[in-house]
């Protein structure tokens, strides 16, 4: 907690470098931007709330390094928190309302947490996430309370960097710090976020997004036991090996795609159910191939290919983790490209079947491969169909690549990202 006058003095004297370095990296530009963002957010907060005692929070976005659509079938993933975040200035309220102002708006989202009933009219809206997180926290036996939040968002909505999971983590950590003495673990904050997104927001996501936003760093996660995922930190610095991680937003339209996302899980589960199992993690490639004739007749060809993708991708995640541990960037690049091809050919989530004119993800992959000419790697990023790709670009070509992608998909479409070590946190 800060007194607002003291915090403004710290900003004026530039005495928050250490806190910002942990979150954004230690380079001068990142630190300078952090001071500017926080100053603007404090100024906005003062225009909406007169509290003298305030709290600062940061919740990162996440990038999916490997494991495309494996988490929801109890598979393995490789994910990382990133330096793009939601930065929030927060005060307590005593009226059990959560009031959230985003990007200096004067029109807040407001919920009363005396009412934690599911409201289907809130599906797809941030209020559903706030209500769902509070319901999840209360369900687990913890406390909840009101707060005013001025939030500056760098985790772009629809960017594939998990803006909704970042928001869930932020609200969870605010409740954790303000009303629970930091007793809720980062893993439990992630689980509560998933509960909010599945039950209150109406999106059938796995747990990877929330873990990536809550825990910090690069991590491998094995969801074989979904209630007790095995998490292992993996230390690696792509830039020290000569490569930049870049996300390209192909500016697709996400509206109307929920059914296409849901169909991936439904089809994988249908294949598993044929063998008397719940998820594809419980079947083998040999079982799948030996029964391909019956499966394609009963469930369909695409479902068979999607299950095949899952089984191969799950093994690929393990191999990519080992490549990083063994400091073998070339093996990692080869596997990353294989992952991208598998998503394109077998999982089939690089474009929507409903529109031949809306294939930005596929086009971005096409142009990136042409640009790289055998160097680096690229793949669909996240849910797919519309949205983003992830590229691993030689550092000396990173700026050229960004300019090239921006010329096709619009300014600021290509964003260089870095791995962030800090979990969702109160900035103290």
Protein backbone atom coordinates (compact mmCIF):
# COMPACT_ATOMS: atom_id res chain seq x y z
CA UNK A 1 0.00 0.00 0.00
CA UNK A 2 1.12 3.55 -0.75
CA UNK A 3 0.06 6.97 0.36
CA UNK A 4 -0.70 8.64 -2.95
CA UNK A 5 1.47 11.67 -2.09
CA UNK A 6 4.43 9.38 -1.29
CA UNK A 7 3.97 7.41 -4.50
CA UNK A 8 3.95 10.58 -6.59
CA UNK A 9 7.22 11.57 -4.90
CA UNK A 10 8.75 8.18 -5.80
CA UNK A 11 7.74 8.73 -9.42
CA UNK A 12 9.12 12.25 -9.47
CA UNK A 13 12.47 11.06 -8.07
CA UNK A 14 12.51 7.98 -10.35
CA UNK A 15 12.83 5.70 -7.33
CA UNK A 16 10.91 2.68 -8.65
CA UNK A 17 13.47 1.26 -11.08
CA UNK A 18 13.92 -1.93 -9.07
CA UNK A 19 10.19 -2.73 -8.99
CA UNK A 20 9.75 -1.97 -12.69
CA UNK A 21 12.80 -4.00 -13.75
CA UNK A 22 11.30 -7.18 -12.29
CA UNK A 23 8.16 -6.71 -14.36
CA UNK A 24 9.20 -5.03 -17.60
CA UNK A 25 12.91 -5.75 -17.94
CA UNK A 26 15.81 -3.48 -17.10
CA UNK A 27 16.26 -1.59 -20.36
CA UNK A 28 15.88 2.17 -20.32
CA UNK A 29 12.92 2.38 -22.71
CA UNK A 30 10.84 -0.15 -20.75
CA UNK A 31 11.52 1.59 -17.45
CA UNK A 32 10.72 5.02 -18.90
CA UNK A 33 7.44 3.77 -20.35
CA UNK A 34 6.51 2.23 -16.98
CA UNK A 35 6.96 5.59 -15.22
CA UNK A 36 4.84 7.34 -17.85
CA UNK A 37 2.05 4.75 -17.69
CA UNK A 38 1.89 4.77 -13.92
CA UNK A 39 1.88 8.57 -13.76
CA UNK A 40 -1.02 8.76 -16.21
CA UNK A 41 -2.92 6.03 -14.39
CA UNK A 42 -2.48 7.77 -11.03
CA UNK A 43 -3.68 11.06 -12.55
CA UNK A 44 -6.76 9.29 -13.87
CA UNK A 45 -7.34 7.59 -10.52
CA UNK A 46 -7.27 10.96 -8.75
CA UNK A 47 -9.99 12.19 -11.10
CA UNK A 48 -12.34 9.34 -10.10
CA UNK A 49 -11.46 8.60 -6.46
CA UNK A 50 -10.23 10.70 -3.54
CA UNK A 51 -8.65 7.87 -1.53
CA UNK A 52 -5.28 8.65 0.01
CA UNK A 53 -4.30 4.99 0.41
CA UNK A 54 -3.80 3.11 -2.84
CA UNK A 55 -2.39 -0.18 -4.08
CA UNK A 56 -0.56 -0.98 -7.33
CA UNK A 57 -0.94 -4.22 -9.26
CA UNK A 58 0.39 -5.79 -12.44
CA UNK A 59 -0.98 -8.81 -14.29
CA UNK A 60 0.86 -9.98 -17.38
CA UNK A 61 -0.38 -11.40 -20.61
CA UNK A 62 0.94 -14.78 -21.66
CA UNK A 63 2.39 -16.33 -24.76
CA UNK A 64 1.85 -19.94 -25.74
CA UNK A 65 5.25 -21.35 -26.72
CA UNK A 66 4.07 -24.89 -27.39
CA UNK A 67 1.00 -27.02 -26.87
CA UNK A 68 -1.66 -25.70 -29.22
CA UNK A 69 -5.04 -26.89 -27.91
CA UNK A 70 -3.54 -29.54 -25.64
CA UNK A 71 -4.48 -28.18 -22.21
CA UNK A 72 -8.22 -28.88 -22.42
CA UNK A 73 -7.53 -32.60 -23.03
CA UNK A 74 -5.17 -32.89 -20.05
CA UNK A 75 -2.04 -32.47 -22.14
CA UNK A 76 1.29 -30.72 -21.70
CA UNK A 77 2.01 -27.07 -22.55
CA UNK A 78 4.93 -24.68 -22.58
CA UNK A 79 3.86 -21.13 -21.77
CA UNK A 80 5.39 -17.88 -20.57
CA UNK A 81 4.37 -14.67 -18.86
CA UNK A 82 5.31 -11.62 -20.91
CA UNK A 83 6.21 -7.98 -20.35
CA UNK A 84 2.89 -6.64 -21.69
CA UNK A 85 0.55 -6.25 -18.74
CA UNK A 86 -2.49 -4.73 -17.11
CA UNK A 87 -1.28 -2.05 -14.68
CA UNK A 88 -3.77 -1.00 -12.04
CA UNK A 89 -4.11 1.64 -9.33
CA UNK A 90 -6.61 0.40 -6.74
CA UNK A 91 -8.39 1.53 -3.58
CA UNK A 92 -10.65 -0.30 -1.16
CA UNK A 93 -14.40 0.34 -1.09
CA UNK A 94 -16.79 -0.45 1.75
CA UNK A 95 -19.94 -0.93 -0.38
CA UNK A 96 -19.11 -4.36 -1.88
CA UNK A 97 -18.91 -2.95 -5.39
CA UNK A 98 -16.12 -3.55 -7.89
CA UNK A 99 -15.74 -0.49 -10.11
CA UNK A 100 -13.30 -0.79 -13.01
CA UNK A 101 -12.18 2.06 -15.27
CA UNK A 102 -10.16 0.94 -18.29
CA UNK A 103 -7.64 3.10 -20.16
CA UNK A 104 -8.67 6.41 -18.56
CA UNK A 105 -12.33 6.01 -19.43
CA UNK A 106 -15.03 7.84 -17.47
CA UNK A 107 -17.54 5.01 -17.99
CA UNK A 108 -16.73 2.25 -15.49
CA UNK A 109 -17.88 -1.35 -15.37
CA UNK A 110 -19.64 -1.87 -12.05
CA UNK A 111 -20.78 -5.01 -10.26
CA UNK A 112 -22.27 -5.57 -6.83
CA UNK A 113 -20.59 -8.63 -5.31
CA UNK A 114 -23.49 -9.13 -2.93
CA UNK A 115 -24.96 -10.81 -6.02
CA UNK A 116 -22.75 -13.63 -7.31
CA UNK A 117 -25.40 -15.40 -9.40
CA UNK A 118 -24.51 -16.37 -12.96
CA UNK A 119 -26.02 -13.91 -15.43
CA UNK A 120 -26.08 -15.18 -19.01
CA UNK A 121 -26.62 -11.60 -20.19
CA UNK A 122 -23.05 -10.93 -18.98
CA UNK A 123 -21.52 -13.72 -21.08
CA UNK A 124 -18.48 -12.40 -22.90
CA UNK A 125 -18.23 -9.24 -20.77
CA UNK A 126 -15.64 -8.19 -18.21
CA UNK A 127 -18.30 -7.89 -15.49
CA UNK A 128 -18.83 -11.64 -15.81
CA UNK A 129 -15.14 -12.20 -15.11
CA UNK A 130 -15.15 -9.97 -12.01
CA UNK A 131 -18.27 -11.64 -10.68
CA UNK A 132 -16.97 -15.11 -11.51
CA UNK A 133 -13.60 -14.53 -9.85
CA UNK A 134 -15.30 -13.30 -6.68
CA UNK A 135 -17.66 -16.27 -6.74
CA UNK A 136 -14.71 -18.62 -7.16
CA UNK A 137 -12.79 -17.00 -4.30
CA UNK A 138 -15.80 -17.20 -1.99
CA UNK A 139 -16.44 -20.81 -3.06
CA UNK A 140 -12.91 -21.68 -1.94
CA UNK A 141 -13.57 -20.20 1.49
CA UNK A 142 -11.74 -16.88 1.10
CA UNK A 143 -12.92 -13.29 1.60
CA UNK A 144 -14.09 -10.81 -1.01
CA UNK A 145 -14.63 -7.06 -0.92
CA UNK A 146 -15.14 -3.94 -2.96
CA UNK A 147 -12.55 -1.91 -4.83
CA UNK A 148 -12.10 0.91 -7.33
CA UNK A 149 -9.69 0.12 -10.15
CA UNK A 150 -8.07 2.39 -12.72
CA UNK A 151 -6.53 0.03 -15.24
CA UNK A 152 -4.14 0.69 -18.11
CA UNK A 153 -4.11 -2.24 -20.50
CA UNK A 154 -1.20 -3.31 -22.73
CA UNK A 155 -2.55 -6.86 -23.19
CA UNK A 156 -4.59 -6.18 -26.30
CA UNK A 157 -8.02 -7.78 -26.51
CA UNK A 158 -8.16 -10.47 -29.19
CA UNK A 159 -4.37 -10.50 -29.49
CA UNK A 160 -3.93 -14.10 -28.42
CA UNK A 161 -2.05 -12.86 -25.33
CA UNK A 162 -4.92 -13.81 -23.03
CA UNK A 163 -6.42 -10.47 -22.11
CA UNK A 164 -9.34 -12.12 -20.30
CA UNK A 165 -7.05 -14.42 -18.28
CA UNK A 166 -4.87 -11.42 -17.41
CA UNK A 167 -7.94 -9.57 -16.15
CA UNK A 168 -9.07 -12.58 -14.10
CA UNK A 169 -5.60 -12.83 -12.54
CA UNK A 170 -5.63 -9.11 -11.77
CA UNK A 171 -9.01 -9.20 -10.02
CA UNK A 172 -7.99 -12.37 -8.17
CA UNK A 173 -4.72 -10.82 -6.96
CA UNK A 174 -6.48 -7.61 -5.89
CA UNK A 175 -8.87 -9.66 -3.75
CA UNK A 176 -5.93 -11.72 -2.50
CA UNK A 177 -3.94 -8.68 -1.35
CA UNK A 178 -6.74 -6.46 -0.08
CA UNK A 179 -8.88 -9.02 1.72
CA UNK A 180 -6.94 -12.27 2.19
CA UNK A 181 -3.43 -11.33 3.36
CA UNK A 182 -1.93 -12.96 0.21
CA UNK A 183 -3.02 -16.43 1.32
CA UNK A 184 -4.29 -17.51 -2.12
CA UNK A 185 -1.56 -19.18 -4.19
CA UNK A 186 -0.85 -18.08 -7.76
CA UNK A 187 -1.94 -21.53 -9.00
CA UNK A 188 -5.26 -21.20 -7.17
CA UNK A 189 -5.73 -17.71 -8.62
CA UNK A 190 -5.31 -19.30 -12.05
CA UNK A 191 -7.85 -22.03 -11.27
CA UNK A 192 -10.33 -19.46 -9.99
CA UNK A 193 -9.82 -17.46 -13.21
CA UNK A 194 -10.57 -20.52 -15.32
CA UNK A 195 -13.72 -21.15 -13.27
CA UNK A 196 -14.83 -17.57 -13.93
CA UNK A 197 -14.17 -17.85 -17.66
CA UNK A 198 -15.87 -21.23 -18.06
CA UNK A 199 -18.91 -20.73 -15.85
CA UNK A 200 -19.55 -16.96 -15.80
CA UNK A 201 -17.99 -15.73 -19.07
CA UNK A 202 -19.23 -18.70 -21.11
CA UNK A 203 -15.94 -19.67 -22.78
CA UNK A 204 -14.78 -23.31 -22.55
CA UNK A 205 -11.05 -22.62 -22.11
CA UNK A 206 -8.37 -24.80 -20.56
CA UNK A 207 -6.11 -23.64 -17.71
CA UNK A 208 -2.99 -22.69 -19.68
CA UNK A 209 -3.94 -19.03 -20.24
CA UNK A 210 -4.58 -18.38 -16.57
CA UNK A 211 -1.42 -20.18 -15.45
CA UNK A 212 0.65 -18.19 -17.92
CA UNK A 213 -0.75 -14.92 -16.57
CA UNK A 214 -0.53 -15.83 -12.88
CA UNK A 215 2.67 -17.78 -12.23
CA UNK A 216 5.48 -15.91 -14.08
CA UNK A 217 8.44 -16.93 -16.26
CA UNK A 218 8.61 -19.78 -18.78
CA UNK A 219 6.90 -22.83 -17.40
CA UNK A 220 6.05 -26.32 -18.51
CA UNK A 221 2.68 -27.51 -17.25
CA UNK A 222 1.47 -31.11 -17.31
CA UNK A 223 -2.31 -31.27 -16.93
CA UNK A 224 -2.56 -35.08 -16.67
CA UNK A 225 -4.16 -34.51 -13.26
CA UNK A 226 -6.07 -31.34 -14.03
CA UNK A 227 -6.71 -30.59 -10.37
CA UNK A 228 -3.01 -30.83 -9.52
CA UNK A 229 -1.02 -29.74 -12.58
CA UNK A 230 2.72 -30.35 -12.49
CA UNK A 231 4.49 -27.01 -13.00
CA UNK A 232 8.18 -26.65 -13.72
CA UNK A 233 10.03 -23.41 -14.37
CA UNK A 234 12.25 -23.46 -17.48
CA UNK A 235 15.00 -20.86 -17.60
CA UNK A 236 15.74 -19.58 -21.11
CA UNK A 237 16.48 -16.30 -22.84
CA UNK A 238 15.69 -16.32 -26.56
CA UNK A 239 17.34 -12.94 -27.20
CA UNK A 240 20.67 -14.13 -25.77
CA UNK A 241 20.54 -16.87 -28.43
CA UNK A 242 19.99 -14.35 -31.21
CA UNK A 243 16.21 -14.49 -31.64
CA UNK A 244 13.30 -12.17 -30.91
CA UNK A 245 9.81 -13.35 -30.02
CA UNK A 246 7.27 -11.39 -32.04
CA UNK A 247 3.49 -11.58 -32.01
CA UNK A 248 1.63 -10.52 -35.15
CA UNK A 249 -2.03 -9.58 -34.89
CA UNK A 250 -3.60 -10.46 -38.23
CA UNK A 251 -6.68 -8.37 -37.28
CA UNK A 252 -9.23 -11.13 -37.72
CA UNK A 253 -12.80 -10.88 -36.50
CA UNK A 254 -13.34 -13.10 -33.44
CA UNK A 255 -17.11 -12.64 -33.36
CA UNK A 256 -19.05 -15.79 -34.08
CA UNK A 257 -16.08 -18.10 -33.56
CA UNK A 258 -16.97 -19.56 -30.15
CA UNK A 259 -18.53 -22.63 -31.76
CA UNK A 260 -15.40 -23.26 -33.82
CA UNK A 261 -13.21 -23.09 -30.71
CA UNK A 262 -15.58 -25.37 -28.83
CA UNK A 263 -15.70 -27.89 -31.69
CA UNK A 264 -11.99 -28.69 -31.24
CA UNK A 265 -12.51 -29.85 -27.68
CA UNK A 266 -15.78 -31.59 -28.54
CA UNK A 267 -14.24 -33.55 -31.40
CA UNK A 268 -11.17 -34.58 -29.40
CA UNK A 269 -13.40 -35.70 -26.55
CA UNK A 270 -15.64 -37.65 -28.95
CA UNK A 271 -12.60 -39.61 -30.14
CA UNK A 272 -11.57 -40.31 -26.54
CA UNK A 273 -15.12 -41.36 -25.65
CA UNK A 274 -15.06 -43.97 -28.43
CA UNK A 275 -12.35 -45.75 -26.42
CA UNK A 276 -14.22 -45.29 -23.15
CA UNK A 277 -11.93 -42.44 -22.09
CA UNK A 278 -12.67 -38.81 -21.24
CA UNK A 279 -9.74 -37.07 -22.93
CA UNK A 280 -7.19 -37.74 -25.68
CA UNK A 281 -4.38 -37.85 -23.10
CA UNK A 282 -5.68 -41.33 -22.24
CA UNK A 283 -5.37 -42.83 -25.73
CA UNK A 284 -2.34 -43.78 -27.86
CA UNK A 285 -1.45 -43.01 -31.45
CA UNK A 286 -1.54 -46.74 -32.23
CA UNK A 287 -5.10 -47.01 -30.90
CA UNK A 288 -6.12 -43.98 -32.96
CA UNK A 289 -4.61 -45.24 -36.21
CA UNK A 290 -5.71 -48.85 -35.75
CA UNK A 291 -9.30 -47.64 -35.38
CA UNK A 292 -9.17 -44.85 -37.98
CA UNK A 293 -11.63 -46.53 -40.36
CA UNK A 294 -14.33 -46.89 -37.69
CA UNK A 295 -13.61 -43.49 -36.18
CA UNK A 296 -13.91 -41.59 -39.45
CA UNK A 297 -17.22 -43.30 -40.17
CA UNK A 298 -18.67 -42.70 -36.70
CA UNK A 299 -17.19 -39.31 -35.76
CA UNK A 300 -15.59 -37.83 -38.89
CA UNK A 301 -12.24 -37.26 -40.55
CA UNK A 302 -11.47 -33.91 -38.96
CA UNK A 303 -11.94 -35.30 -35.47
CA UNK A 304 -9.42 -38.05 -36.21
CA UNK A 305 -6.88 -35.50 -37.45
CA UNK A 306 -7.45 -33.28 -34.42
CA UNK A 307 -6.84 -36.19 -32.07
CA UNK A 308 -3.72 -37.05 -34.08
CA UNK A 309 -2.53 -33.44 -33.65
CA UNK A 310 -3.10 -33.65 -29.90
CA UNK A 311 -1.07 -36.85 -29.48
CA UNK A 312 1.84 -35.59 -31.60
CA UNK A 313 1.75 -32.08 -30.15
CA UNK A 314 1.80 -33.42 -26.62
CA UNK A 315 5.02 -35.31 -27.37
CA UNK A 316 6.41 -32.26 -29.14
CA UNK A 317 5.93 -30.09 -26.04
CA UNK A 318 8.12 -32.47 -24.04
CA UNK A 319 10.76 -32.40 -26.78
CA UNK A 320 10.71 -28.59 -26.89
CA UNK A 321 11.11 -28.39 -23.12
CA UNK A 322 14.12 -30.68 -23.38
CA UNK A 323 15.52 -28.58 -26.24
CA UNK A 324 15.45 -25.49 -24.02
CA UNK A 325 16.94 -27.35 -21.07
CA UNK A 326 19.73 -28.63 -23.34
CA UNK A 327 20.26 -25.15 -24.84
CA UNK A 328 19.52 -26.49 -28.32
CA UNK A 329 17.86 -23.59 -30.10
CA UNK A 330 18.01 -25.32 -33.49
CA UNK A 331 16.04 -28.31 -32.21
CA UNK A 332 13.53 -25.93 -30.64
CA UNK A 333 13.09 -24.03 -33.93
CA UNK A 334 12.55 -27.27 -35.87
CA UNK A 335 9.89 -28.40 -33.40
CA UNK A 336 8.21 -24.98 -33.37
CA UNK A 337 7.81 -25.14 -37.14
CA UNK A 338 6.46 -28.69 -36.88
CA UNK A 339 3.91 -27.48 -34.33
CA UNK A 340 2.79 -24.74 -36.70
CA UNK A 341 2.33 -27.17 -39.57
CA UNK A 342 0.41 -29.61 -37.40
CA UNK A 343 -2.01 -26.87 -36.30
CA UNK A 344 -2.45 -25.79 -39.91
CA UNK A 345 -2.93 -29.24 -41.44
CA UNK A 346 -4.43 -31.45 -38.73
CA UNK A 347 -5.90 -29.26 -35.99
CA UNK A 348 -7.15 -26.87 -38.70
CA UNK A 349 -7.43 -23.71 -36.61
CA UNK A 350 -5.55 -21.28 -38.86
CA UNK A 351 -8.69 -19.98 -40.55
CA UNK A 352 -12.43 -20.12 -40.16
CA UNK A 353 -14.37 -22.32 -42.56
CA UNK A 354 -17.10 -19.65 -42.67
CA UNK A 355 -15.19 -17.00 -44.64
CA UNK A 356 -12.63 -17.36 -47.41
CA UNK A 357 -11.88 -13.62 -47.17
CA UNK A 358 -10.97 -13.71 -43.46
CA UNK A 359 -7.77 -15.79 -43.36
CA UNK A 360 -5.34 -13.37 -41.77
CA UNK A 361 -3.62 -15.97 -39.57
CA UNK A 362 -2.93 -18.23 -42.54
CA UNK A 363 -1.72 -15.28 -44.62
CA UNK A 364 0.59 -14.09 -41.82
CA UNK A 365 2.14 -17.56 -41.62
CA UNK A 366 2.54 -17.65 -45.41
CA UNK A 367 4.28 -14.26 -45.54
CA UNK A 368 6.44 -14.99 -42.49
CA UNK A 369 7.75 -18.23 -43.97
CA UNK A 370 8.55 -16.38 -47.18
CA UNK A 371 10.36 -13.67 -45.19
CA UNK A 372 12.38 -16.13 -43.12
CA UNK A 373 13.46 -18.35 -46.03
CA UNK A 374 14.29 -21.26 -43.78
CA UNK A 375 15.50 -19.28 -40.76
CA UNK A 376 13.55 -18.95 -37.51
CA UNK A 377 10.03 -20.27 -37.04
CA UNK A 378 6.35 -19.34 -36.88
CA UNK A 379 3.08 -20.89 -35.75
CA UNK A 380 -0.51 -20.02 -34.95
CA UNK A 381 -0.73 -18.50 -31.49
CA UNK A 382 -3.47 -19.44 -29.06
CA UNK A 383 -7.00 -20.41 -30.03
CA UNK A 384 -6.63 -19.65 -33.71
CA UNK A 385 -9.17 -19.09 -36.52
CA UNK A 386 -8.61 -15.34 -36.21
CA UNK A 387 -6.09 -13.39 -34.19
CA UNK A 388 -2.35 -13.87 -33.98
CA UNK A 389 0.72 -15.81 -34.94
CA UNK A 390 3.97 -16.15 -33.01
CA UNK A 391 7.30 -15.81 -34.80
CA UNK A 392 10.88 -16.44 -33.69
CA UNK A 393 12.91 -14.01 -35.80
CA UNK A 394 16.69 -13.54 -35.98
CA UNK A 395 17.43 -10.39 -33.94
CA UNK A 396 19.12 -8.60 -36.81
CA UNK A 397 15.92 -8.99 -38.89
CA UNK A 398 13.40 -8.22 -36.15
CA UNK A 399 12.79 -4.55 -37.00
CA UNK A 400 12.59 -5.29 -40.73
CA UNK A 401 10.08 -8.05 -40.03
CA UNK A 402 7.93 -5.80 -37.84
CA UNK A 403 7.82 -3.11 -40.54
CA UNK A 404 6.93 -5.73 -43.15
CA UNK A 405 4.06 -7.18 -41.11
CA UNK A 406 2.81 -3.69 -40.18
CA UNK A 407 2.70 -2.80 -43.87
CA UNK A 408 0.35 -5.74 -44.47
CA UNK A 409 -1.81 -5.83 -41.33
CA UNK A 410 -1.61 -2.23 -40.10
CA UNK A 411 0.51 -0.20 -37.70
CA UNK A 412 1.43 -1.87 -34.40
CA UNK A 413 0.26 -5.26 -35.66
CA UNK A 414 3.69 -6.75 -34.93
CA UNK A 415 4.86 -6.50 -31.32
CA UNK A 416 8.14 -7.70 -29.89
CA UNK A 417 7.62 -9.41 -26.54
CA UNK A 418 9.90 -10.56 -23.72
CA UNK A 419 9.47 -13.21 -21.07
CA UNK A 420 8.53 -11.74 -17.67
CA UNK A 421 9.70 -13.51 -14.51
CA UNK A 422 7.35 -11.80 -12.05
CA UNK A 423 3.96 -13.45 -11.37
CA UNK A 424 0.72 -11.48 -11.07
CA UNK A 425 1.61 -9.18 -8.21
CA UNK A 426 1.07 -6.21 -6.01
CA UNK A 427 3.85 -3.71 -6.76
CA UNK A 428 5.28 -2.74 -3.37
